[in-house]
Amino acid sequence: MNTSTPNSWEPKIIAFACHYCAFAAADLAGVMRRFYPANIRIVRLPCSGKLDYSYVLRAFEKGMDGVFCAG
């Protein structure tokens, strides 16, 4: 059984970000023309404390390799 991954593989990651904290930092990175990988998707939430577990499970069901919650 071969468990190695190809060198070109990149994980698909979804980040749930609080509007006032983490999303503001991601927005500032964009304003400053900082780079972050295209395989990361950011979803803005009113508050990270309102993230329901069903969204995390659904992300994995839809094929995401990782879920990140930042607040």
N, C-alpha and C. Protein backbone atom coordinates (compact mmCIF):
# COMPACT_ATOMS: atom_id res chain seq x y z
N MET A 1 0.84 -1.17 0.00
CA MET A 1 0.00 0.00 0.00
C MET A 1 0.89 1.24 0.00
N ASN A 2 0.68 2.11 -0.96
CA ASN A 2 1.47 3.32 -1.09
C ASN A 2 0.73 4.48 -0.40
N THR A 3 1.31 5.02 0.66
CA THR A 3 0.65 6.10 1.39
C THR A 3 1.25 7.47 1.10
N SER A 4 2.17 7.54 0.13
CA SER A 4 2.79 8.83 -0.19
C SER A 4 1.82 9.68 -1.00
N THR A 5 1.99 10.97 -0.89
CA THR A 5 1.15 11.90 -1.65
C THR A 5 1.99 12.56 -2.73
N PRO A 6 1.38 12.89 -3.86
CA PRO A 6 2.14 13.55 -4.92
C PRO A 6 2.63 14.94 -4.47
N ASN A 7 3.73 15.37 -5.04
CA ASN A 7 4.30 16.66 -4.67
C ASN A 7 3.39 17.82 -5.05
N SER A 8 2.52 17.66 -6.03
CA SER A 8 1.67 18.74 -6.48
C SER A 8 0.37 18.87 -5.66
N TRP A 9 0.14 17.95 -4.74
CA TRP A 9 -1.10 17.98 -3.96
C TRP A 9 -1.06 19.11 -2.95
N GLU A 10 -2.15 19.88 -2.90
CA GLU A 10 -2.31 20.93 -1.90
C GLU A 10 -3.65 20.73 -1.21
N PRO A 11 -3.69 20.80 0.11
CA PRO A 11 -4.95 20.59 0.82
C PRO A 11 -5.91 21.76 0.58
N LYS A 12 -7.20 21.44 0.52
CA LYS A 12 -8.24 22.46 0.42
C LYS A 12 -8.66 22.81 1.84
N ILE A 13 -8.54 24.08 2.19
CA ILE A 13 -8.81 24.52 3.55
C ILE A 13 -9.87 25.62 3.53
N ILE A 14 -10.81 25.53 4.44
CA ILE A 14 -11.81 26.58 4.60
C ILE A 14 -11.60 27.22 5.97
N ALA A 15 -11.62 28.53 6.00
CA ALA A 15 -11.41 29.27 7.24
C ALA A 15 -12.68 30.04 7.56
N PHE A 16 -13.26 29.78 8.71
CA PHE A 16 -14.40 30.55 9.20
C PHE A 16 -13.82 31.65 10.09
N ALA A 17 -14.01 32.90 9.68
CA ALA A 17 -13.36 34.02 10.35
C ALA A 17 -14.37 35.00 10.92
N CYS A 18 -14.13 35.42 12.15
CA CYS A 18 -14.95 36.44 12.81
C CYS A 18 -14.81 37.77 12.06
N HIS A 19 -15.91 38.44 11.83
CA HIS A 19 -15.91 39.69 11.07
C HIS A 19 -15.01 40.75 11.68
N TYR A 20 -14.99 40.86 12.99
CA TYR A 20 -14.28 41.94 13.65
C TYR A 20 -12.82 41.62 13.98
N CYS A 21 -12.46 40.36 13.99
CA CYS A 21 -11.09 39.98 14.39
C CYS A 21 -10.32 39.40 13.22
N ALA A 22 -10.54 38.13 12.96
CA ALA A 22 -9.74 37.41 11.98
C ALA A 22 -10.00 37.87 10.56
N PHE A 23 -11.25 38.17 10.23
CA PHE A 23 -11.53 38.62 8.86
C PHE A 23 -10.90 39.99 8.61
N ALA A 24 -10.90 40.83 9.63
CA ALA A 24 -10.26 42.14 9.48
C ALA A 24 -8.77 41.98 9.21
N ALA A 25 -8.13 40.99 9.83
CA ALA A 25 -6.72 40.73 9.59
C ALA A 25 -6.49 40.21 8.17
N ALA A 26 -7.36 39.34 7.70
CA ALA A 26 -7.24 38.83 6.33
C ALA A 26 -7.46 39.94 5.32
N ASP A 27 -8.41 40.83 5.61
CA ASP A 27 -8.66 41.96 4.74
C ASP A 27 -7.46 42.90 4.70
N LEU A 28 -6.87 43.13 5.85
CA LEU A 28 -5.68 43.98 5.92
C LEU A 28 -4.52 43.38 5.13
N ALA A 29 -4.40 42.07 5.17
CA ALA A 29 -3.35 41.40 4.39
C ALA A 29 -3.57 41.64 2.90
N GLY A 30 -4.82 41.63 2.47
CA GLY A 30 -5.12 41.92 1.07
C GLY A 30 -4.81 43.36 0.71
N VAL A 31 -5.14 44.29 1.60
CA VAL A 31 -4.85 45.70 1.36
C VAL A 31 -3.35 45.93 1.26
N MET A 32 -2.59 45.20 2.07
CA MET A 32 -1.13 45.34 2.05
C MET A 32 -0.49 44.51 0.94
N ARG A 33 -1.33 43.88 0.11
CA ARG A 33 -0.90 43.04 -1.00
C ARG A 33 -0.04 41.86 -0.55
N ARG A 34 -0.39 41.31 0.59
CA ARG A 34 0.26 40.09 1.07
C ARG A 34 -0.36 38.90 0.35
N PHE A 35 0.38 37.84 0.23
CA PHE A 35 -0.07 36.66 -0.49
C PHE A 35 -0.48 35.58 0.50
N TYR A 36 -1.60 34.92 0.22
CA TYR A 36 -1.91 33.67 0.89
C TYR A 36 -2.39 32.69 -0.17
N PRO A 37 -2.19 31.41 0.04
CA PRO A 37 -2.45 30.41 -1.01
C PRO A 37 -3.89 30.42 -1.51
N ALA A 38 -4.04 30.09 -2.78
CA ALA A 38 -5.36 30.06 -3.41
C ALA A 38 -6.20 28.88 -2.93
N ASN A 39 -5.60 27.91 -2.27
CA ASN A 39 -6.36 26.74 -1.80
C ASN A 39 -7.04 27.01 -0.45
N ILE A 40 -6.94 28.23 0.05
CA ILE A 40 -7.61 28.61 1.29
C ILE A 40 -8.81 29.49 0.95
N ARG A 41 -9.97 29.10 1.45
CA ARG A 41 -11.19 29.88 1.26
C ARG A 41 -11.59 30.47 2.60
N ILE A 42 -11.95 31.75 2.61
CA ILE A 42 -12.32 32.42 3.86
C ILE A 42 -13.81 32.74 3.82
N VAL A 43 -14.49 32.36 4.88
CA VAL A 43 -15.91 32.65 5.05
C VAL A 43 -16.05 33.58 6.24
N ARG A 44 -16.65 34.73 6.02
CA ARG A 44 -16.81 35.71 7.10
C ARG A 44 -18.07 35.37 7.91
N LEU A 45 -17.92 35.38 9.22
CA LEU A 45 -19.03 35.15 10.14
C LEU A 45 -19.21 36.39 11.01
N PRO A 46 -20.44 36.65 11.47
CA PRO A 46 -20.64 37.77 12.40
C PRO A 46 -19.83 37.58 13.69
N CYS A 47 -19.73 36.32 14.12
CA CYS A 47 -18.98 35.99 15.33
C CYS A 47 -18.58 34.52 15.24
N SER A 48 -17.34 34.21 15.53
CA SER A 48 -16.90 32.81 15.44
C SER A 48 -17.59 31.94 16.48
N GLY A 49 -18.10 32.55 17.54
CA GLY A 49 -18.84 31.80 18.55
C GLY A 49 -20.17 31.27 18.04
N LYS A 50 -20.64 31.80 16.91
CA LYS A 50 -21.89 31.35 16.32
C LYS A 50 -21.71 30.24 15.30
N LEU A 51 -20.47 29.77 15.12
CA LEU A 51 -20.22 28.70 14.16
C LEU A 51 -20.86 27.41 14.66
N ASP A 52 -21.77 26.89 13.89
CA ASP A 52 -22.46 25.66 14.24
C ASP A 52 -21.64 24.46 13.75
N TYR A 53 -21.61 23.40 14.51
CA TYR A 53 -20.82 22.22 14.15
C TYR A 53 -21.24 21.64 12.81
N SER A 54 -22.49 21.85 12.40
CA SER A 54 -22.96 21.28 11.13
C SER A 54 -22.22 21.90 9.95
N TYR A 55 -21.79 23.15 10.05
CA TYR A 55 -21.02 23.77 8.98
C TYR A 55 -19.64 23.12 8.86
N VAL A 56 -19.06 22.78 9.98
CA VAL A 56 -17.76 22.11 9.98
C VAL A 56 -17.89 20.73 9.35
N LEU A 57 -18.89 19.99 9.74
CA LEU A 57 -19.11 18.66 9.17
C LEU A 57 -19.43 18.74 7.68
N ARG A 58 -20.23 19.71 7.30
CA ARG A 58 -20.59 19.87 5.89
C ARG A 58 -19.37 20.21 5.04
N ALA A 59 -18.45 20.98 5.59
CA ALA A 59 -17.23 21.32 4.86
C ALA A 59 -16.44 20.05 4.52
N PHE A 60 -16.33 19.15 5.49
CA PHE A 60 -15.63 17.88 5.23
C PHE A 60 -16.42 17.03 4.24
N GLU A 61 -17.73 17.04 4.35
CA GLU A 61 -18.55 16.27 3.40
C GLU A 61 -18.39 16.79 1.97
N LYS A 62 -18.19 18.07 1.82
CA LYS A 62 -18.05 18.69 0.48
C LYS A 62 -16.63 18.59 -0.06
N GLY A 63 -15.72 17.95 0.68
CA GLY A 63 -14.39 17.68 0.16
C GLY A 63 -13.25 18.53 0.71
N MET A 64 -13.51 19.33 1.72
CA MET A 64 -12.43 20.11 2.31
C MET A 64 -11.49 19.17 3.09
N ASP A 65 -10.21 19.48 3.07
CA ASP A 65 -9.23 18.68 3.80
C ASP A 65 -8.98 19.21 5.20
N GLY A 66 -9.30 20.50 5.42
CA GLY A 66 -9.08 21.10 6.71
C GLY A 66 -10.06 22.23 6.97
N VAL A 67 -10.40 22.43 8.22
CA VAL A 67 -11.29 23.51 8.64
C VAL A 67 -10.58 24.30 9.73
N PHE A 68 -10.61 25.63 9.59
CA PHE A 68 -9.96 26.52 10.53
C PHE A 68 -10.98 27.53 11.01
N CYS A 69 -11.09 27.70 12.29
CA CYS A 69 -12.01 28.70 12.86
C CYS A 69 -11.18 29.70 13.62
N ALA A 70 -11.31 30.98 13.25
CA ALA A 70 -10.52 32.04 13.87
C ALA A 70 -11.45 33.14 14.36
N GLY A 71 -11.19 33.60 15.56
CA GLY A 71 -12.05 34.64 16.11
C GLY A 71 -11.27 35.69 16.86
